[in-house]
């Protein structure tokens, strides 16, 4: 037992910036009792410790806890170089996902299949974060989690369930389909999610027509921030002077704080932009593909108006629906 906890504490030092120790305890509880609907670790463990088979429970649970810390070290440190795993970790919101990942390592699932599983979970968890439904995603996944055992160690049923949730119109499952996703990105999006989408969009733009393209990691962008193309505070002057239309009520409410008016930029770049005229901002849009796309979109008419924003919205909505 002492050796097991020595192993656990060694693993903690590697992953303490990625996951909380209490969360690992909860993930282990869910794997041990084979249910995503285990919530209160203290009560459950106290009952087991007071039972007749407490010694066996202590040994088995401690072994599993030790293995899970080792699996998480592998996931967050060694295998994180895989883009699909890096993407899921960057997204966050993985409390429902991690018990599946831990089982995958425990059952000897190949890294390639784990990457496919992470890509599938990235899609449904981003949808869940954007849509913000009160529907319980855990209960929709619990039966496939229970069925995911060493004897039936295939990720295919899990991926098929997620695909059903993404595409169905059946009322019990339809909270995460394309209709709900498209509706969720019509207005303001939480900045962390907007940065995530624009990072993935950047990789999409850069990959077009380029064989063997290696995607850019999120941490390759220096302190990524959101830049409002049309600034929140309009500079003084006419549309011809500023490059922005008059800020009527519709423009302020529907066009300023929205995904299609955001660019992903480094912090230093964003600090330099402010509410300058569009022509000055446009001249600085040289670093990322999405910045150059805005330049190309305004080549003939260098005014960032409702029409341009609506055109970019079409591109971004199509990208999100096709890729998530």
C-alpha atoms as a PDB file:
ATOM      1  CA  UNK A   1       0.000   0.000   0.000  1.00  0.00           C
ATOM      2  CA  UNK A   2       2.839   2.347   0.869  1.00  0.00           C
ATOM      3  CA  UNK A   3       4.460   1.691  -2.507  1.00  0.00           C
ATOM      4  CA  UNK A   4       1.199   2.420  -4.319  1.00  0.00           C
ATOM      5  CA  UNK A   5       0.834   5.814  -2.659  1.00  0.00           C
ATOM      6  CA  UNK A   6       4.457   6.611  -3.414  1.00  0.00           C
ATOM      7  CA  UNK A   7       3.634   5.976  -7.090  1.00  0.00           C
ATOM      8  CA  UNK A   8       0.524   8.137  -6.812  1.00  0.00           C
ATOM      9  CA  UNK A   9       2.421  11.094  -5.338  1.00  0.00           C
ATOM     10  CA  UNK A  10       5.074  10.837  -8.032  1.00  0.00           C
ATOM     11  CA  UNK A  11       2.358  10.985 -10.703  1.00  0.00           C
ATOM     12  CA  UNK A  12       0.666  13.946  -9.003  1.00  0.00           C
ATOM     13  CA  UNK A  13       3.813  16.017  -9.453  1.00  0.00           C
ATOM     14  CA  UNK A  14       3.590  15.497 -13.213  1.00  0.00           C
ATOM     15  CA  UNK A  15      -0.106  16.283 -13.739  1.00  0.00           C
ATOM     16  CA  UNK A  16      -0.993  18.731 -10.956  1.00  0.00           C
ATOM     17  CA  UNK A  17      -1.361  21.581 -13.455  1.00  0.00           C
ATOM     18  CA  UNK A  18      -3.715  19.544 -15.628  1.00  0.00           C
ATOM     19  CA  UNK A  19      -6.162  17.883 -13.263  1.00  0.00           C
ATOM     20  CA  UNK A  20      -7.251  18.172  -9.642  1.00  0.00           C
ATOM     21  CA  UNK A  21      -6.557  15.260  -7.259  1.00  0.00           C
ATOM     22  CA  UNK A  22     -10.203  15.199  -6.143  1.00  0.00           C
ATOM     23  CA  UNK A  23     -11.272  14.897  -9.776  1.00  0.00           C
ATOM     24  CA  UNK A  24      -8.996  11.875 -10.237  1.00  0.00           C
ATOM     25  CA  UNK A  25     -10.634  10.326  -7.174  1.00  0.00           C
ATOM     26  CA  UNK A  26     -14.061  10.920  -8.745  1.00  0.00           C
ATOM     27  CA  UNK A  27     -12.969   9.470 -12.109  1.00  0.00           C
ATOM     28  CA  UNK A  28     -11.630   6.395 -10.330  1.00  0.00           C
ATOM     29  CA  UNK A  29     -14.866   5.978  -8.400  1.00  0.00           C
ATOM     30  CA  UNK A  30     -16.802   6.045 -11.677  1.00  0.00           C
ATOM     31  CA  UNK A  31     -14.509   3.494 -13.283  1.00  0.00           C
ATOM     32  CA  UNK A  32     -14.488   1.238 -10.205  1.00  0.00           C
ATOM     33  CA  UNK A  33     -18.296   1.164  -9.880  1.00  0.00           C
ATOM     34  CA  UNK A  34     -18.746   1.374 -13.668  1.00  0.00           C
ATOM     35  CA  UNK A  35     -21.134   4.314 -13.678  1.00  0.00           C
ATOM     36  CA  UNK A  36     -20.835   7.952 -14.749  1.00  0.00           C
ATOM     37  CA  UNK A  37     -23.516   8.801 -12.207  1.00  0.00           C
ATOM     38  CA  UNK A  38     -21.316   8.411  -9.149  1.00  0.00           C
ATOM     39  CA  UNK A  39     -20.964  11.860  -7.608  1.00  0.00           C
ATOM     40  CA  UNK A  40     -20.130  11.834  -3.909  1.00  0.00           C
ATOM     41  CA  UNK A  41     -16.774  10.146  -3.466  1.00  0.00           C
ATOM     42  CA  UNK A  42     -16.576  10.563   0.311  1.00  0.00           C
ATOM     43  CA  UNK A  43     -19.941   8.973   1.098  1.00  0.00           C
ATOM     44  CA  UNK A  44     -19.412   6.079  -1.280  1.00  0.00           C
ATOM     45  CA  UNK A  45     -15.918   5.299  -0.022  1.00  0.00           C
ATOM     46  CA  UNK A  46     -17.003   5.607   3.635  1.00  0.00           C
ATOM     47  CA  UNK A  47     -19.741   3.018   3.058  1.00  0.00           C
ATOM     48  CA  UNK A  48     -17.296   0.650   1.410  1.00  0.00           C
ATOM     49  CA  UNK A  49     -14.762   1.058   4.226  1.00  0.00           C
ATOM     50  CA  UNK A  50     -17.372   0.181   6.812  1.00  0.00           C
ATOM     51  CA  UNK A  51     -18.499  -2.937   4.934  1.00  0.00           C
ATOM     52  CA  UNK A  52     -17.529  -6.540   5.442  1.00  0.00           C
ATOM     53  CA  UNK A  53     -15.222  -6.591   2.411  1.00  0.00           C
ATOM     54  CA  UNK A  54     -13.367  -3.397   3.260  1.00  0.00           C
ATOM     55  CA  UNK A  55      -9.840  -4.838   2.965  1.00  0.00           C
ATOM     56  CA  UNK A  56     -10.456  -6.089  -0.548  1.00  0.00           C
ATOM     57  CA  UNK A  57     -11.983  -2.716  -1.475  1.00  0.00           C
ATOM     58  CA  UNK A  58      -8.958  -0.827  -0.128  1.00  0.00           C
ATOM     59  CA  UNK A  59      -6.537  -2.960  -2.120  1.00  0.00           C
ATOM     60  CA  UNK A  60      -8.533  -2.941  -5.365  1.00  0.00           C
ATOM     61  CA  UNK A  61      -9.421   0.747  -5.243  1.00  0.00           C
ATOM     62  CA  UNK A  62      -5.884   1.817  -4.348  1.00  0.00           C
ATOM     63  CA  UNK A  63      -4.482  -0.259  -7.219  1.00  0.00           C
ATOM     64  CA  UNK A  64      -6.943   1.326  -9.646  1.00  0.00           C
ATOM     65  CA  UNK A  65      -6.220   4.804  -8.301  1.00  0.00           C
ATOM     66  CA  UNK A  66      -2.496   4.237  -8.795  1.00  0.00           C
ATOM     67  CA  UNK A  67      -3.020   2.979 -12.345  1.00  0.00           C
ATOM     68  CA  UNK A  68      -5.280   5.921 -13.173  1.00  0.00           C
ATOM     69  CA  UNK A  69      -2.713   8.464 -12.051  1.00  0.00           C
ATOM     70  CA  UNK A  70      -0.178   6.693 -14.261  1.00  0.00           C
ATOM     71  CA  UNK A  71      -2.643   6.686 -17.201  1.00  0.00           C
ATOM     72  CA  UNK A  72      -3.310  10.397 -16.717  1.00  0.00           C
ATOM     73  CA  UNK A  73       0.406  11.108 -16.670  1.00  0.00           C
ATOM     74  CA  UNK A  74       0.658   9.299 -19.991  1.00  0.00           C
ATOM     75  CA  UNK A  75      -2.400  11.100 -21.394  1.00  0.00           C
ATOM     76  CA  UNK A  76      -1.404  14.631 -20.350  1.00  0.00           C
ATOM     77  CA  UNK A  77       2.343  14.345 -20.869  1.00  0.00           C
ATOM     78  CA  UNK A  78       3.403  11.582 -23.259  1.00  0.00           C
ATOM     79  CA  UNK A  79       0.401  11.251 -25.595  1.00  0.00           C
ATOM     80  CA  UNK A  80      -0.553  14.933 -25.520  1.00  0.00           C
ATOM     81  CA  UNK A  81       1.695  15.415 -28.551  1.00  0.00           C
ATOM     82  CA  UNK A  82      -1.141  13.845 -30.577  1.00  0.00           C
ATOM     83  CA  UNK A  83      -3.195  16.715 -31.944  1.00  0.00           C
ATOM     84  CA  UNK A  84      -6.569  15.134 -31.105  1.00  0.00           C
ATOM     85  CA  UNK A  85      -5.555  14.685 -27.472  1.00  0.00           C
ATOM     86  CA  UNK A  86      -4.058  18.185 -27.332  1.00  0.00           C
ATOM     87  CA  UNK A  87      -7.325  19.560 -28.745  1.00  0.00           C
ATOM     88  CA  UNK A  88      -9.490  17.818 -26.158  1.00  0.00           C
ATOM     89  CA  UNK A  89      -7.246  18.943 -23.300  1.00  0.00           C
ATOM     90  CA  UNK A  90      -7.289  22.515 -24.639  1.00  0.00           C
ATOM     91  CA  UNK A  91     -11.094  22.439 -24.845  1.00  0.00           C
ATOM     92  CA  UNK A  92     -11.465  21.357 -21.210  1.00  0.00           C
ATOM     93  CA  UNK A  93     -14.913  20.255 -19.944  1.00  0.00           C
ATOM     94  CA  UNK A  94     -13.617  16.692 -19.644  1.00  0.00           C
ATOM     95  CA  UNK A  95     -15.240  15.453 -16.410  1.00  0.00           C
ATOM     96  CA  UNK A  96     -17.592  13.203 -18.384  1.00  0.00           C
ATOM     97  CA  UNK A  97     -14.864  12.170 -20.822  1.00  0.00           C
ATOM     98  CA  UNK A  98     -12.000  11.159 -18.533  1.00  0.00           C
ATOM     99  CA  UNK A  99     -13.541   7.911 -17.191  1.00  0.00           C
ATOM    100  CA  UNK A 100     -13.797   6.729 -20.825  1.00  0.00           C
ATOM    101  CA  UNK A 101     -10.146   7.665 -21.389  1.00  0.00           C
ATOM    102  CA  UNK A 102      -9.020   5.846 -18.246  1.00  0.00           C
ATOM    103  CA  UNK A 103     -10.885   2.719 -19.271  1.00  0.00           C
ATOM    104  CA  UNK A 104      -9.284   2.933 -22.703  1.00  0.00           C
ATOM    105  CA  UNK A 105      -5.789   2.847 -21.229  1.00  0.00           C
ATOM    106  CA  UNK A 106      -6.761   0.131 -18.774  1.00  0.00           C
ATOM    107  CA  UNK A 107      -8.137  -2.079 -21.568  1.00  0.00           C
ATOM    108  CA  UNK A 108      -5.129  -1.576 -23.815  1.00  0.00           C
ATOM    109  CA  UNK A 109      -6.973   0.391 -26.507  1.00  0.00           C
ATOM    110  CA  UNK A 110      -4.569   1.513 -29.231  1.00  0.00           C
ATOM    111  CA  UNK A 111      -3.387   5.115 -29.286  1.00  0.00           C
ATOM    112  CA  UNK A 112      -4.950   5.507 -32.727  1.00  0.00           C
ATOM    113  CA  UNK A 113      -8.377   4.521 -31.362  1.00  0.00           C
ATOM    114  CA  UNK A 114      -7.907   6.828 -28.362  1.00  0.00           C
ATOM    115  CA  UNK A 115      -7.199   9.663 -30.794  1.00  0.00           C
ATOM    116  CA  UNK A 116     -10.415   8.879 -32.693  1.00  0.00           C
ATOM    117  CA  UNK A 117     -12.324   8.758 -29.400  1.00  0.00           C
ATOM    118  CA  UNK A 118     -10.895  12.135 -28.354  1.00  0.00           C
ATOM    119  CA  UNK A 119     -11.887  13.674 -31.682  1.00  0.00           C
ATOM    120  CA  UNK A 120     -15.427  12.405 -31.212  1.00  0.00           C
ATOM    121  CA  UNK A 121     -15.643  13.675 -27.646  1.00  0.00           C
ATOM    122  CA  UNK A 122     -14.224  17.043 -28.711  1.00  0.00           C
ATOM    123  CA  UNK A 123     -17.215  17.481 -30.991  1.00  0.00           C
ATOM    124  CA  UNK A 124     -19.933  16.630 -28.481  1.00  0.00           C
ATOM    125  CA  UNK A 125     -18.329  18.463 -25.552  1.00  0.00           C
ATOM    126  CA  UNK A 126     -17.862  21.653 -27.584  1.00  0.00           C
ATOM    127  CA  UNK A 127     -21.492  21.414 -28.661  1.00  0.00           C
ATOM    128  CA  UNK A 128     -22.531  20.922 -25.050  1.00  0.00           C
ATOM    129  CA  UNK A 129     -20.524  23.975 -23.949  1.00  0.00           C
ATOM    130  CA  UNK A 130     -21.867  26.209 -26.731  1.00  0.00           C
ATOM    131  CA  UNK A 131     -25.494  25.116 -26.609  1.00  0.00           C
ATOM    132  CA  UNK A 132     -25.714  25.296 -22.825  1.00  0.00           C
ATOM    133  CA  UNK A 133     -28.689  22.958 -22.569  1.00  0.00           C
ATOM    134  CA  UNK A 134     -29.920  21.739 -19.195  1.00  0.00           C
ATOM    135  CA  UNK A 135     -30.253  18.248 -20.645  1.00  0.00           C
ATOM    136  CA  UNK A 136     -27.917  15.836 -18.864  1.00  0.00           C
ATOM    137  CA  UNK A 137     -25.266  14.598 -21.265  1.00  0.00           C
ATOM    138  CA  UNK A 138     -23.934  12.126 -18.679  1.00  0.00           C
ATOM    139  CA  UNK A 139     -27.164  10.128 -18.571  1.00  0.00           C
ATOM    140  CA  UNK A 140     -27.130   9.852 -22.388  1.00  0.00           C
ATOM    141  CA  UNK A 141     -23.661   8.291 -22.269  1.00  0.00           C
ATOM    142  CA  UNK A 142     -23.889   6.177 -19.133  1.00  0.00           C
ATOM    143  CA  UNK A 143     -25.130   2.973 -20.764  1.00  0.00           C
ATOM    144  CA  UNK A 144     -22.324   2.919 -23.354  1.00  0.00           C
ATOM    145  CA  UNK A 145     -19.859   3.621 -20.549  1.00  0.00           C
ATOM    146  CA  UNK A 146     -21.167   0.631 -18.595  1.00  0.00           C
ATOM    147  CA  UNK A 147     -21.003  -1.562 -21.700  1.00  0.00           C
ATOM    148  CA  UNK A 148     -17.393  -0.506 -22.351  1.00  0.00           C
ATOM    149  CA  UNK A 149     -15.644  -3.365 -20.557  1.00  0.00           C
ATOM    150  CA  UNK A 150     -12.469  -5.406 -20.959  1.00  0.00           C
ATOM    151  CA  UNK A 151     -14.571  -8.103 -22.658  1.00  0.00           C
ATOM    152  CA  UNK A 152     -16.144  -5.528 -25.005  1.00  0.00           C
ATOM    153  CA  UNK A 153     -13.208  -3.155 -25.384  1.00  0.00           C
ATOM    154  CA  UNK A 154     -14.226  -1.287 -28.524  1.00  0.00           C
ATOM    155  CA  UNK A 155     -14.624   2.473 -28.846  1.00  0.00           C
ATOM    156  CA  UNK A 156     -16.990   2.045 -31.802  1.00  0.00           C
ATOM    157  CA  UNK A 157     -20.275   1.973 -29.757  1.00  0.00           C
ATOM    158  CA  UNK A 158     -19.202   5.140 -27.942  1.00  0.00           C
ATOM    159  CA  UNK A 159     -18.432   6.949 -31.190  1.00  0.00           C
ATOM    160  CA  UNK A 160     -21.717   5.758 -32.700  1.00  0.00           C
ATOM    161  CA  UNK A 161     -23.644   7.098 -29.700  1.00  0.00           C
ATOM    162  CA  UNK A 162     -21.967  10.489 -29.992  1.00  0.00           C
ATOM    163  CA  UNK A 163     -22.689  10.569 -33.716  1.00  0.00           C
ATOM    164  CA  UNK A 164     -26.345   9.860 -32.982  1.00  0.00           C
ATOM    165  CA  UNK A 165     -26.464  12.737 -30.512  1.00  0.00           C
ATOM    166  CA  UNK A 166     -24.926  15.039 -33.129  1.00  0.00           C
ATOM    167  CA  UNK A 167     -27.381  14.155 -35.879  1.00  0.00           C
ATOM    168  CA  UNK A 168     -30.705  12.924 -34.523  1.00  0.00           C
ATOM    169  CA  UNK A 169     -33.997  14.837 -34.310  1.00  0.00           C
ATOM    170  CA  UNK A 170     -35.408  12.463 -31.694  1.00  0.00           C
ATOM    171  CA  UNK A 171     -36.516  14.609 -28.754  1.00  0.00           C
ATOM    172  CA  UNK A 172     -34.584  12.736 -26.045  1.00  0.00           C
ATOM    173  CA  UNK A 173     -31.292  13.071 -27.946  1.00  0.00           C
ATOM    174  CA  UNK A 174     -31.713  16.185 -30.116  1.00  0.00           C
ATOM    175  CA  UNK A 175     -30.266  18.734 -27.695  1.00  0.00           C
ATOM    176  CA  UNK A 176     -26.841  18.545 -29.375  1.00  0.00           C
ATOM    177  CA  UNK A 177     -27.718  18.325 -33.079  1.00  0.00           C
ATOM    178  CA  UNK A 178     -26.813  20.733 -35.883  1.00  0.00           C
ATOM    179  CA  UNK A 179     -29.979  22.785 -35.477  1.00  0.00           C
ATOM    180  CA  UNK A 180     -29.146  23.547 -31.857  1.00  0.00           C
ATOM    181  CA  UNK A 181     -25.463  24.088 -32.675  1.00  0.00           C
ATOM    182  CA  UNK A 182     -26.180  26.590 -35.428  1.00  0.00           C
ATOM    183  CA  UNK A 183     -28.574  28.491 -33.172  1.00  0.00           C
ATOM    184  CA  UNK A 184     -25.983  28.612 -30.377  1.00  0.00           C
ATOM    185  CA  UNK A 185     -23.387  30.478 -32.465  1.00  0.00           C
ATOM    186  CA  UNK A 186     -25.701  33.243 -33.701  1.00  0.00           C
ATOM    187  CA  UNK A 187     -24.862  35.720 -30.962  1.00  0.00           C
ATOM    188  CA  UNK A 188     -22.227  36.303 -28.342  1.00  0.00           C
ATOM    189  CA  UNK A 189     -19.998  33.327 -27.535  1.00  0.00           C
ATOM    190  CA  UNK A 190     -18.023  32.937 -24.323  1.00  0.00           C
ATOM    191  CA  UNK A 191     -14.505  34.197 -25.188  1.00  0.00           C
ATOM    192  CA  UNK A 192     -12.702  30.972 -24.281  1.00  0.00           C
ATOM    193  CA  UNK A 193     -14.913  29.020 -26.673  1.00  0.00           C
ATOM    194  CA  UNK A 194     -14.597  31.644 -29.398  1.00  0.00           C
ATOM    195  CA  UNK A 195     -10.791  31.462 -29.190  1.00  0.00           C
ATOM    196  CA  UNK A 196     -10.975  27.678 -29.429  1.00  0.00           C
ATOM    197  CA  UNK A 197     -13.145  27.775 -32.562  1.00  0.00           C
ATOM    198  CA  UNK A 198     -10.953  30.386 -34.229  1.00  0.00           C
ATOM    199  CA  UNK A 199      -7.836  28.330 -33.446  1.00  0.00           C
ATOM    200  CA  UNK A 200      -9.393  25.327 -35.162  1.00  0.00           C
ATOM    201  CA  UNK A 201     -10.552  27.561 -38.025  1.00  0.00           C
ATOM    202  CA  UNK A 202      -6.978  28.798 -38.421  1.00  0.00           C
ATOM    203  CA  UNK A 203      -5.773  25.238 -38.863  1.00  0.00           C
ATOM    204  CA  UNK A 204      -8.582  24.606 -41.338  1.00  0.00           C
ATOM    205  CA  UNK A 205      -7.594  27.612 -43.453  1.00  0.00           C
ATOM    206  CA  UNK A 206      -3.910  26.714 -43.398  1.00  0.00           C
ATOM    207  CA  UNK A 207      -4.567  23.112 -44.370  1.00  0.00           C
ATOM    208  CA  UNK A 208      -6.496  23.911 -47.549  1.00  0.00           C
ATOM    209  CA  UNK A 209      -4.658  22.440 -50.525  1.00  0.00           C
ATOM    210  CA  UNK A 210      -1.569  21.573 -48.486  1.00  0.00           C
ATOM    211  CA  UNK A 211      -0.657  17.902 -48.376  1.00  0.00           C
ATOM    212  CA  UNK A 212       1.000  16.755 -45.176  1.00  0.00           C
ATOM    213  CA  UNK A 213       0.075  19.934 -43.311  1.00  0.00           C
ATOM    214  CA  UNK A 214       1.071  19.796 -39.631  1.00  0.00           C
ATOM    215  CA  UNK A 215      -1.570  21.563 -37.504  1.00  0.00           C
ATOM    216  CA  UNK A 216      -0.618  24.446 -35.242  1.00  0.00           C
ATOM    217  CA  UNK A 217      -0.955  23.806 -31.524  1.00  0.00           C
ATOM    218  CA  UNK A 218      -2.942  26.243 -29.399  1.00  0.00           C
ATOM    219  CA  UNK A 219       0.080  26.991 -27.225  1.00  0.00           C
ATOM    220  CA  UNK A 220       2.010  28.038 -30.331  1.00  0.00           C
ATOM    221  CA  UNK A 221       0.046  31.316 -30.261  1.00  0.00           C
ATOM    222  CA  UNK A 222       1.572  33.819 -27.854  1.00  0.00           C
ATOM    223  CA  UNK A 223      -1.078  34.665 -25.202  1.00  0.00           C
ATOM    224  CA  UNK A 224      -4.032  34.259 -27.613  1.00  0.00           C
ATOM    225  CA  UNK A 225      -6.750  36.876 -27.362  1.00  0.00           C
ATOM    226  CA  UNK A 226      -9.835  37.966 -29.281  1.00  0.00           C
ATOM    227  CA  UNK A 227      -9.601  41.077 -31.427  1.00  0.00           C
ATOM    228  CA  UNK A 228     -12.811  42.896 -32.358  1.00  0.00           C
ATOM    229  CA  UNK A 229     -12.400  43.788 -36.026  1.00  0.00           C
ATOM    230  CA  UNK A 230     -15.099  46.418 -35.722  1.00  0.00           C
ATOM    231  CA  UNK A 231     -14.120  47.831 -32.299  1.00  0.00           C
ATOM    232  CA  UNK A 232     -16.524  48.024 -29.391  1.00  0.00           C
ATOM    233  CA  UNK A 233     -16.000  51.790 -29.368  1.00  0.00           C
ATOM    234  CA  UNK A 234     -16.174  53.305 -32.842  1.00  0.00           C
ATOM    235  CA  UNK A 235     -13.545  55.970 -33.662  1.00  0.00           C
ATOM    236  CA  UNK A 236     -14.819  59.396 -34.684  1.00  0.00           C
ATOM    237  CA  UNK A 237     -15.301  60.068 -38.381  1.00  0.00           C
ATOM    238  CA  UNK A 238     -17.342  59.087 -41.375  1.00  0.00           C
ATOM    239  CA  UNK A 239     -17.543  55.475 -42.627  1.00  0.00           C
ATOM    240  CA  UNK A 240     -15.083  56.396 -45.370  1.00  0.00           C
ATOM    241  CA  UNK A 241     -12.624  57.775 -42.778  1.00  0.00           C
ATOM    242  CA  UNK A 242     -12.974  55.015 -40.170  1.00  0.00           C
ATOM    243  CA  UNK A 243     -13.728  52.002 -42.347  1.00  0.00           C
ATOM    244  CA  UNK A 244     -16.734  51.132 -40.173  1.00  0.00           C
ATOM    245  CA  UNK A 245     -20.430  51.858 -40.708  1.00  0.00           C
ATOM    246  CA  UNK A 246     -22.439  54.016 -38.334  1.00  0.00           C
ATOM    247  CA  UNK A 247     -23.117  52.019 -35.161  1.00  0.00           C
ATOM    248  CA  UNK A 248     -26.899  51.829 -35.151  1.00  0.00           C
ATOM    249  CA  UNK A 249     -28.708  49.701 -32.565  1.00  0.00           C
ATOM    250  CA  UNK A 250     -28.746  46.627 -34.819  1.00  0.00           C
ATOM    251  CA  UNK A 251     -24.993  46.837 -35.453  1.00  0.00           C
ATOM    252  CA  UNK A 252     -24.169  47.261 -31.758  1.00  0.00           C
ATOM    253  CA  UNK A 253     -26.421  44.399 -30.672  1.00  0.00           C
ATOM    254  CA  UNK A 254     -25.871  41.884 -33.469  1.00  0.00           C
ATOM    255  CA  UNK A 255     -22.579  42.587 -35.209  1.00  0.00           C
ATOM    256  CA  UNK A 256     -19.964  43.739 -32.687  1.00  0.00           C
ATOM    257  CA  UNK A 257     -19.860  40.927 -30.108  1.00  0.00           C
ATOM    258  CA  UNK A 258     -20.104  37.888 -32.342  1.00  0.00           C
ATOM    259  CA  UNK A 259     -17.798  35.177 -33.643  1.00  0.00           C
ATOM    260  CA  UNK A 260     -17.645  36.614 -37.157  1.00  0.00           C
ATOM    261  CA  UNK A 261     -16.349  39.967 -35.852  1.00  0.00           C
ATOM    262  CA  UNK A 262     -13.544  38.299 -33.867  1.00  0.00           C
ATOM    263  CA  UNK A 263     -10.001  37.493 -34.904  1.00  0.00           C
ATOM    264  CA  UNK A 264      -7.523  35.365 -33.014  1.00  0.00           C
ATOM    265  CA  UNK A 265      -4.419  37.446 -32.277  1.00  0.00           C
ATOM    266  CA  UNK A 266      -1.525  37.476 -29.847  1.00  0.00           C
ATOM    267  CA  UNK A 267      -1.865  39.681 -26.764  1.00  0.00           C
ATOM    268  CA  UNK A 268       0.766  42.130 -28.006  1.00  0.00           C
ATOM    269  CA  UNK A 269      -1.049  42.472 -31.327  1.00  0.00           C
ATOM    270  CA  UNK A 270      -4.415  43.015 -29.639  1.00  0.00           C
ATOM    271  CA  UNK A 271      -3.062  45.708 -27.323  1.00  0.00           C
ATOM    272  CA  UNK A 272      -1.787  47.607 -30.350  1.00  0.00           C
ATOM    273  CA  UNK A 273      -5.114  47.572 -32.181  1.00  0.00           C
ATOM    274  CA  UNK A 274      -7.706  49.278 -29.980  1.00  0.00           C
ATOM    275  CA  UNK A 275     -10.288  51.315 -31.853  1.00  0.00           C
ATOM    276  CA  UNK A 276      -8.099  52.436 -34.719  1.00  0.00           C
ATOM    277  CA  UNK A 277      -9.522  52.932 -38.220  1.00  0.00           C
ATOM    278  CA  UNK A 278     -10.009  49.695 -40.149  1.00  0.00           C
ATOM    279  CA  UNK A 279      -7.355  50.578 -42.738  1.00  0.00           C
ATOM    280  CA  UNK A 280      -4.690  50.713 -40.008  1.00  0.00           C
ATOM    281  CA  UNK A 281      -5.868  47.456 -38.454  1.00  0.00           C
ATOM    282  CA  UNK A 282      -6.105  45.798 -41.845  1.00  0.00           C
ATOM    283  CA  UNK A 283      -2.473  46.620 -42.601  1.00  0.00           C
ATOM    284  CA  UNK A 284      -1.411  44.672 -39.495  1.00  0.00           C
ATOM    285  CA  UNK A 285      -3.417  41.540 -40.383  1.00  0.00           C
ATOM    286  CA  UNK A 286      -0.468  39.549 -41.687  1.00  0.00           C
ATOM    287  CA  UNK A 287       0.297  36.897 -39.064  1.00  0.00           C
ATOM    288  CA  UNK A 288      -2.497  34.310 -39.308  1.00  0.00           C
ATOM    289  CA  UNK A 289      -4.477  32.917 -42.234  1.00  0.00           C
ATOM    290  CA  UNK A 290      -7.767  34.198 -40.794  1.00  0.00           C
ATOM    291  CA  UNK A 291      -6.299  37.709 -40.649  1.00  0.00           C
ATOM    292  CA  UNK A 292      -5.222  37.502 -44.278  1.00  0.00           C
ATOM    293  CA  UNK A 293      -8.696  36.194 -45.155  1.00  0.00           C
ATOM    294  CA  UNK A 294     -10.207  39.412 -43.799  1.00  0.00           C
ATOM    295  CA  UNK A 295      -7.715  41.381 -45.884  1.00  0.00           C
ATOM    296  CA  UNK A 296      -8.745  39.461 -49.017  1.00  0.00           C
ATOM    297  CA  UNK A 297     -12.446  39.928 -48.241  1.00  0.00           C
ATOM    298  CA  UNK A 298     -12.010  43.725 -48.137  1.00  0.00           C
ATOM    299  CA  UNK A 299      -9.642  44.137 -51.079  1.00  0.00           C
ATOM    300  CA  UNK A 300     -12.184  45.922 -53.287  1.00  0.00           C
ATOM    301  CA  UNK A 301     -14.108  47.662 -50.514  1.00  0.00           C
ATOM    302  CA  UNK A 302     -12.001  48.373 -47.411  1.00  0.00           C
ATOM    303  CA  UNK A 303     -14.954  48.977 -45.091  1.00  0.00           C
ATOM    304  CA  UNK A 304     -15.828  46.377 -42.445  1.00  0.00           C
ATOM    305  CA  UNK A 305     -19.613  46.608 -42.579  1.00  0.00           C
ATOM    306  CA  UNK A 306     -22.665  44.402 -42.030  1.00  0.00           C
ATOM    307  CA  UNK A 307     -22.319  42.779 -45.446  1.00  0.00           C
ATOM    308  CA  UNK A 308     -18.702  41.706 -44.835  1.00  0.00           C
ATOM    309  CA  UNK A 309     -19.479  40.427 -41.345  1.00  0.00           C
ATOM    310  CA  UNK A 310     -22.458  38.454 -42.665  1.00  0.00           C
ATOM    311  CA  UNK A 311     -20.259  36.929 -45.384  1.00  0.00           C
ATOM    312  CA  UNK A 312     -17.675  35.850 -42.826  1.00  0.00           C
ATOM    313  CA  UNK A 313     -20.461  34.447 -40.671  1.00  0.00           C
ATOM    314  CA  UNK A 314     -21.462  32.116 -43.511  1.00  0.00           C
ATOM    315  CA  UNK A 315     -17.910  30.804 -43.673  1.00  0.00           C
ATOM    316  CA  UNK A 316     -17.602  30.266 -39.927  1.00  0.00           C
ATOM    317  CA  UNK A 317     -21.011  28.656 -39.465  1.00  0.00           C
ATOM    318  CA  UNK A 318     -20.279  26.268 -42.319  1.00  0.00           C
ATOM    319  CA  UNK A 319     -16.906  25.426 -40.768  1.00  0.00           C
ATOM    320  CA  UNK A 320     -18.377  24.743 -37.317  1.00  0.00           C
ATOM    321  CA  UNK A 321     -21.212  22.574 -38.633  1.00  0.00           C
ATOM    322  CA  UNK A 322     -18.876  20.549 -40.849  1.00  0.00           C
ATOM    323  CA  UNK A 323     -16.106  20.047 -38.322  1.00  0.00           C
ATOM    324  CA  UNK A 324     -17.868  19.708 -34.975  1.00  0.00           C
END
